[in-house]
Structure formats: structure tokens, C-alpha cells
Amino acid sequence: MPLNPTTVKGNLEVRKLPMAYVLLNTEIGAEREVLNNLRKTEGVLEAFNLTGIYDIIARVKADTLDGLNKVINEKFQIGKIHSKLTVLITDQPP
């Protein structure tokens, strides 16, 4: 599967921007603080509290795969995050 999917519209090929979901585990009681910080982070389209194994899910988008990697690995260095799981989206609707 391609990491940077494209769609052909007429004679134009439209490149879709890389996107991922990031699941986070936080320190107990830090969910709201981490969520508020994530929502202010460039590249984070949306973020929500969860119940279950993970505390937060964030949808992240960037211009390039390297840019996506930078957002996830550098800008997600918010304190109080114990672990994260990144799931790349490889197929997006047109």
C-alpha cells in the first residue's frame, strides 16, 4: 500500500497529504492537560479523550511523511505521556 496515496481526477493527479492516528497513554490525572496541549499543536487536526487501554487519540496531518514523523516524534514530546502508538492512514476517501 502506498504511504502517500494519490487520486486521479480527470487528467490531474491529486496527492493526498499523509495522515495518522496517534493513541496515547498518559500519567493518571494528566489527560486533560495533555489533551489541551495537543489541541494547540500544529498538525493536530483533532484530539479526544478515550476510555480503555489508551487515554487519548489524535488525528495528525502534515505536508510530507517526514513532516508527519516530525510532528509525532518532536511535537508530541509533551510531558506526562508514557507511551504512544502511531497508525498511518494509507487509504483516504476521495
N, C-alpha and C. Protein backbone atom coordinates (compact mmCIF):
# COMPACT_ATOMS: atom_id res chain seq x y z
N MET A 1 0.83 -1.18 0.00
CA MET A 1 0.00 0.00 0.00
C MET A 1 0.88 1.24 0.00
N PRO A 2 0.52 2.27 -0.75
CA PRO A 2 1.34 3.48 -0.77
C PRO A 2 1.18 4.29 0.50
N LEU A 3 2.26 4.93 0.94
CA LEU A 3 2.20 5.77 2.12
C LEU A 3 1.69 7.17 1.79
N ASN A 4 1.82 7.59 0.54
CA ASN A 4 1.31 8.88 0.09
C ASN A 4 0.31 8.63 -1.03
N PRO A 5 -0.93 8.23 -0.70
CA PRO A 5 -1.89 7.87 -1.73
C PRO A 5 -2.23 9.06 -2.63
N THR A 6 -2.58 8.75 -3.86
CA THR A 6 -2.99 9.77 -4.81
C THR A 6 -4.33 9.39 -5.41
N THR A 7 -5.03 10.36 -5.93
CA THR A 7 -6.30 10.15 -6.59
C THR A 7 -6.22 10.84 -7.94
N VAL A 8 -6.73 10.19 -8.97
CA VAL A 8 -6.74 10.80 -10.28
C VAL A 8 -8.12 11.40 -10.52
N LYS A 9 -8.17 12.71 -10.79
CA LYS A 9 -9.41 13.42 -11.09
C LYS A 9 -9.25 14.05 -12.46
N GLY A 10 -9.97 13.50 -13.44
CA GLY A 10 -9.80 13.98 -14.80
C GLY A 10 -8.40 13.65 -15.24
N ASN A 11 -7.66 14.61 -15.72
CA ASN A 11 -6.28 14.41 -16.12
C ASN A 11 -5.29 14.82 -15.03
N LEU A 12 -5.82 15.24 -13.87
CA LEU A 12 -4.95 15.70 -12.79
C LEU A 12 -4.80 14.62 -11.74
N GLU A 13 -3.59 14.46 -11.26
CA GLU A 13 -3.34 13.55 -10.15
C GLU A 13 -3.24 14.40 -8.89
N VAL A 14 -4.08 14.12 -7.91
CA VAL A 14 -4.12 14.89 -6.67
C VAL A 14 -3.46 14.07 -5.57
N ARG A 15 -2.39 14.59 -5.00
CA ARG A 15 -1.68 13.91 -3.91
C ARG A 15 -2.39 14.19 -2.60
N LYS A 16 -2.67 13.14 -1.86
CA LYS A 16 -3.28 13.30 -0.55
C LYS A 16 -2.17 13.43 0.50
N LEU A 17 -2.41 14.29 1.46
CA LEU A 17 -1.40 14.54 2.48
C LEU A 17 -1.35 13.39 3.48
N PRO A 18 -0.15 13.05 3.97
CA PRO A 18 -0.03 11.96 4.94
C PRO A 18 -0.79 12.29 6.23
N MET A 19 -1.45 11.26 6.75
CA MET A 19 -2.24 11.43 7.96
C MET A 19 -2.08 10.18 8.83
N ALA A 20 -2.21 10.36 10.13
CA ALA A 20 -2.09 9.24 11.06
C ALA A 20 -2.99 9.49 12.27
N TYR A 21 -3.33 8.41 12.94
CA TYR A 21 -3.94 8.48 14.26
C TYR A 21 -2.87 8.10 15.26
N VAL A 22 -2.81 8.83 16.37
CA VAL A 22 -1.85 8.53 17.42
C VAL A 22 -2.62 8.27 18.70
N LEU A 23 -2.40 7.10 19.28
CA LEU A 23 -3.02 6.71 20.54
C LEU A 23 -2.01 6.93 21.66
N LEU A 24 -2.44 7.55 22.74
CA LEU A 24 -1.52 7.93 23.81
C LEU A 24 -1.95 7.40 25.17
N ASN A 25 -0.97 7.01 25.98
CA ASN A 25 -1.16 6.72 27.39
C ASN A 25 -0.51 7.84 28.17
N THR A 26 -1.24 8.38 29.13
CA THR A 26 -0.72 9.49 29.92
C THR A 26 -0.60 9.10 31.39
N GLU A 27 0.04 9.96 32.14
CA GLU A 27 0.05 9.78 33.59
C GLU A 27 -1.39 9.88 34.09
N ILE A 28 -1.67 9.21 35.17
CA ILE A 28 -3.02 9.26 35.75
C ILE A 28 -3.33 10.70 36.16
N GLY A 29 -4.48 11.19 35.72
CA GLY A 29 -4.92 12.53 36.05
C GLY A 29 -4.40 13.62 35.12
N ALA A 30 -3.55 13.26 34.15
CA ALA A 30 -2.96 14.27 33.26
C ALA A 30 -3.66 14.34 31.91
N GLU A 31 -4.72 13.59 31.74
CA GLU A 31 -5.38 13.50 30.44
C GLU A 31 -5.81 14.87 29.91
N ARG A 32 -6.47 15.66 30.72
CA ARG A 32 -7.00 16.96 30.28
C ARG A 32 -5.86 17.90 29.89
N GLU A 33 -4.80 17.95 30.67
CA GLU A 33 -3.65 18.82 30.37
C GLU A 33 -3.00 18.42 29.04
N VAL A 34 -2.76 17.13 28.86
CA VAL A 34 -2.14 16.65 27.62
C VAL A 34 -3.07 16.92 26.44
N LEU A 35 -4.36 16.68 26.61
CA LEU A 35 -5.33 16.92 25.54
C LEU A 35 -5.35 18.39 25.13
N ASN A 36 -5.37 19.29 26.10
CA ASN A 36 -5.36 20.72 25.79
C ASN A 36 -4.09 21.13 25.05
N ASN A 37 -2.94 20.59 25.46
CA ASN A 37 -1.68 20.90 24.78
C ASN A 37 -1.68 20.36 23.35
N LEU A 38 -2.19 19.14 23.17
CA LEU A 38 -2.24 18.55 21.82
C LEU A 38 -3.11 19.39 20.89
N ARG A 39 -4.24 19.85 21.39
CA ARG A 39 -5.16 20.62 20.55
C ARG A 39 -4.55 21.94 20.09
N LYS A 40 -3.49 22.40 20.75
CA LYS A 40 -2.79 23.63 20.35
C LYS A 40 -1.59 23.33 19.45
N THR A 41 -1.32 22.07 19.20
CA THR A 41 -0.13 21.66 18.45
C THR A 41 -0.39 21.71 16.95
N GLU A 42 0.49 22.37 16.22
CA GLU A 42 0.39 22.44 14.76
C GLU A 42 0.45 21.03 14.17
N GLY A 43 -0.45 20.72 13.28
CA GLY A 43 -0.51 19.41 12.65
C GLY A 43 -1.54 18.50 13.27
N VAL A 44 -1.99 18.81 14.49
CA VAL A 44 -3.03 18.01 15.13
C VAL A 44 -4.38 18.55 14.69
N LEU A 45 -5.12 17.74 13.94
CA LEU A 45 -6.43 18.16 13.43
C LEU A 45 -7.50 18.08 14.49
N GLU A 46 -7.43 17.03 15.31
CA GLU A 46 -8.39 16.87 16.40
C GLU A 46 -7.82 15.88 17.40
N ALA A 47 -8.30 15.95 18.63
CA ALA A 47 -7.85 15.05 19.69
C ALA A 47 -9.00 14.85 20.66
N PHE A 48 -9.12 13.61 21.17
CA PHE A 48 -10.24 13.25 22.05
C PHE A 48 -9.77 12.36 23.18
N ASN A 49 -10.46 12.46 24.33
CA ASN A 49 -10.28 11.52 25.43
C ASN A 49 -10.92 10.19 25.05
N LEU A 50 -10.35 9.11 25.55
CA LEU A 50 -10.88 7.77 25.32
C LEU A 50 -11.08 7.05 26.64
N THR A 51 -11.82 5.97 26.58
CA THR A 51 -11.85 5.02 27.69
C THR A 51 -11.23 3.74 27.17
N GLY A 52 -10.62 2.98 28.04
CA GLY A 52 -10.00 1.74 27.60
C GLY A 52 -8.50 1.77 27.80
N ILE A 53 -7.78 1.05 26.95
CA ILE A 53 -6.33 0.91 27.09
C ILE A 53 -5.62 2.24 26.89
N TYR A 54 -6.07 3.04 25.93
CA TYR A 54 -5.45 4.33 25.66
C TYR A 54 -6.29 5.46 26.23
N ASP A 55 -5.63 6.57 26.55
CA ASP A 55 -6.30 7.72 27.16
C ASP A 55 -6.74 8.77 26.14
N ILE A 56 -5.98 8.91 25.06
CA ILE A 56 -6.22 9.98 24.08
C ILE A 56 -5.97 9.44 22.68
N ILE A 57 -6.76 9.93 21.72
CA ILE A 57 -6.48 9.68 20.31
C ILE A 57 -6.41 11.03 19.61
N ALA A 58 -5.41 11.17 18.73
CA ALA A 58 -5.23 12.41 17.98
C ALA A 58 -5.10 12.08 16.50
N ARG A 59 -5.71 12.91 15.66
CA ARG A 59 -5.55 12.77 14.21
C ARG A 59 -4.56 13.84 13.77
N VAL A 60 -3.51 13.40 13.08
CA VAL A 60 -2.39 14.27 12.74
C VAL A 60 -2.21 14.27 11.22
N LYS A 61 -1.91 15.45 10.66
CA LYS A 61 -1.69 15.58 9.22
C LYS A 61 -0.51 16.50 8.99
N ALA A 62 0.24 16.22 7.90
CA ALA A 62 1.39 17.06 7.54
C ALA A 62 1.53 17.07 6.02
N ASP A 63 2.41 17.93 5.52
CA ASP A 63 2.63 18.05 4.07
C ASP A 63 3.38 16.86 3.50
N THR A 64 4.25 16.26 4.30
CA THR A 64 5.08 15.13 3.84
C THR A 64 5.12 14.08 4.93
N LEU A 65 5.59 12.89 4.55
CA LEU A 65 5.75 11.84 5.54
C LEU A 65 6.80 12.23 6.58
N ASP A 66 7.87 12.90 6.14
CA ASP A 66 8.88 13.40 7.09
C ASP A 66 8.27 14.42 8.04
N GLY A 67 7.41 15.29 7.51
CA GLY A 67 6.73 16.27 8.35
C GLY A 67 5.82 15.62 9.37
N LEU A 68 5.14 14.56 8.96
CA LEU A 68 4.27 13.81 9.87
C LEU A 68 5.11 13.18 10.97
N ASN A 69 6.22 12.60 10.59
CA ASN A 69 7.14 12.00 11.56
C ASN A 69 7.64 13.04 12.55
N LYS A 70 7.95 14.24 12.06
CA LYS A 70 8.43 15.32 12.93
C LYS A 70 7.36 15.73 13.94
N VAL A 71 6.14 15.88 13.49
CA VAL A 71 5.05 16.26 14.41
C VAL A 71 4.91 15.20 15.50
N ILE A 72 4.87 13.94 15.10
CA ILE A 72 4.62 12.87 16.07
C ILE A 72 5.80 12.67 17.02
N ASN A 73 7.02 12.75 16.51
CA ASN A 73 8.17 12.44 17.35
C ASN A 73 8.80 13.65 18.04
N GLU A 74 8.53 14.85 17.56
CA GLU A 74 9.10 16.03 18.22
C GLU A 74 8.04 16.84 18.95
N LYS A 75 6.95 17.14 18.29
CA LYS A 75 5.93 18.00 18.91
C LYS A 75 5.08 17.25 19.93
N PHE A 76 5.11 15.91 19.88
CA PHE A 76 4.38 15.13 20.87
C PHE A 76 5.24 14.86 22.10
N GLN A 77 6.31 15.60 22.27
CA GLN A 77 7.15 15.46 23.45
C GLN A 77 6.59 16.27 24.60
N ILE A 78 5.29 16.23 24.72
CA ILE A 78 4.60 16.88 25.84
C ILE A 78 4.83 16.00 27.06
N GLY A 79 5.17 16.61 28.18
CA GLY A 79 5.37 15.83 29.39
C GLY A 79 4.11 15.05 29.76
N LYS A 80 4.28 14.04 30.54
CA LYS A 80 3.18 13.24 31.08
C LYS A 80 2.60 12.24 30.08
N ILE A 81 3.27 12.02 28.95
CA ILE A 81 2.88 10.96 28.02
C ILE A 81 3.81 9.78 28.27
N HIS A 82 3.21 8.64 28.64
CA HIS A 82 4.00 7.43 28.90
C HIS A 82 4.35 6.68 27.63
N SER A 83 3.37 6.55 26.73
CA SER A 83 3.62 5.79 25.51
C SER A 83 2.67 6.26 24.41
N LYS A 84 3.03 5.92 23.17
CA LYS A 84 2.18 6.27 22.04
C LYS A 84 2.25 5.18 20.99
N LEU A 85 1.16 5.03 20.28
CA LEU A 85 1.07 4.08 19.16
C LEU A 85 0.58 4.87 17.97
N THR A 86 1.35 4.84 16.88
CA THR A 86 1.01 5.58 15.66
C THR A 86 0.49 4.62 14.61
N VAL A 87 -0.65 4.98 14.01
CA VAL A 87 -1.25 4.19 12.95
C VAL A 87 -1.37 5.09 11.71
N LEU A 88 -0.57 4.79 10.67
CA LEU A 88 -0.63 5.58 9.44
C LEU A 88 -1.86 5.23 8.63
N ILE A 89 -2.49 6.25 8.07
CA ILE A 89 -3.64 6.04 7.20
C ILE A 89 -3.09 5.92 5.78
N THR A 90 -3.37 4.80 5.13
CA THR A 90 -2.83 4.56 3.80
C THR A 90 -3.88 4.71 2.70
N ASP A 91 -5.14 4.79 3.06
CA ASP A 91 -6.19 4.93 2.06
C ASP A 91 -7.22 5.91 2.58
N GLN A 92 -7.41 7.01 1.86
CA GLN A 92 -8.35 8.03 2.27
C GLN A 92 -9.43 8.17 1.20
N PRO A 93 -10.64 8.48 1.61
CA PRO A 93 -11.70 8.66 0.62
C PRO A 93 -11.40 9.87 -0.27
N PRO A 94 -11.90 9.84 -1.51
CA PRO A 94 -11.64 10.97 -2.43
C PRO A 94 -12.25 12.27 -1.95
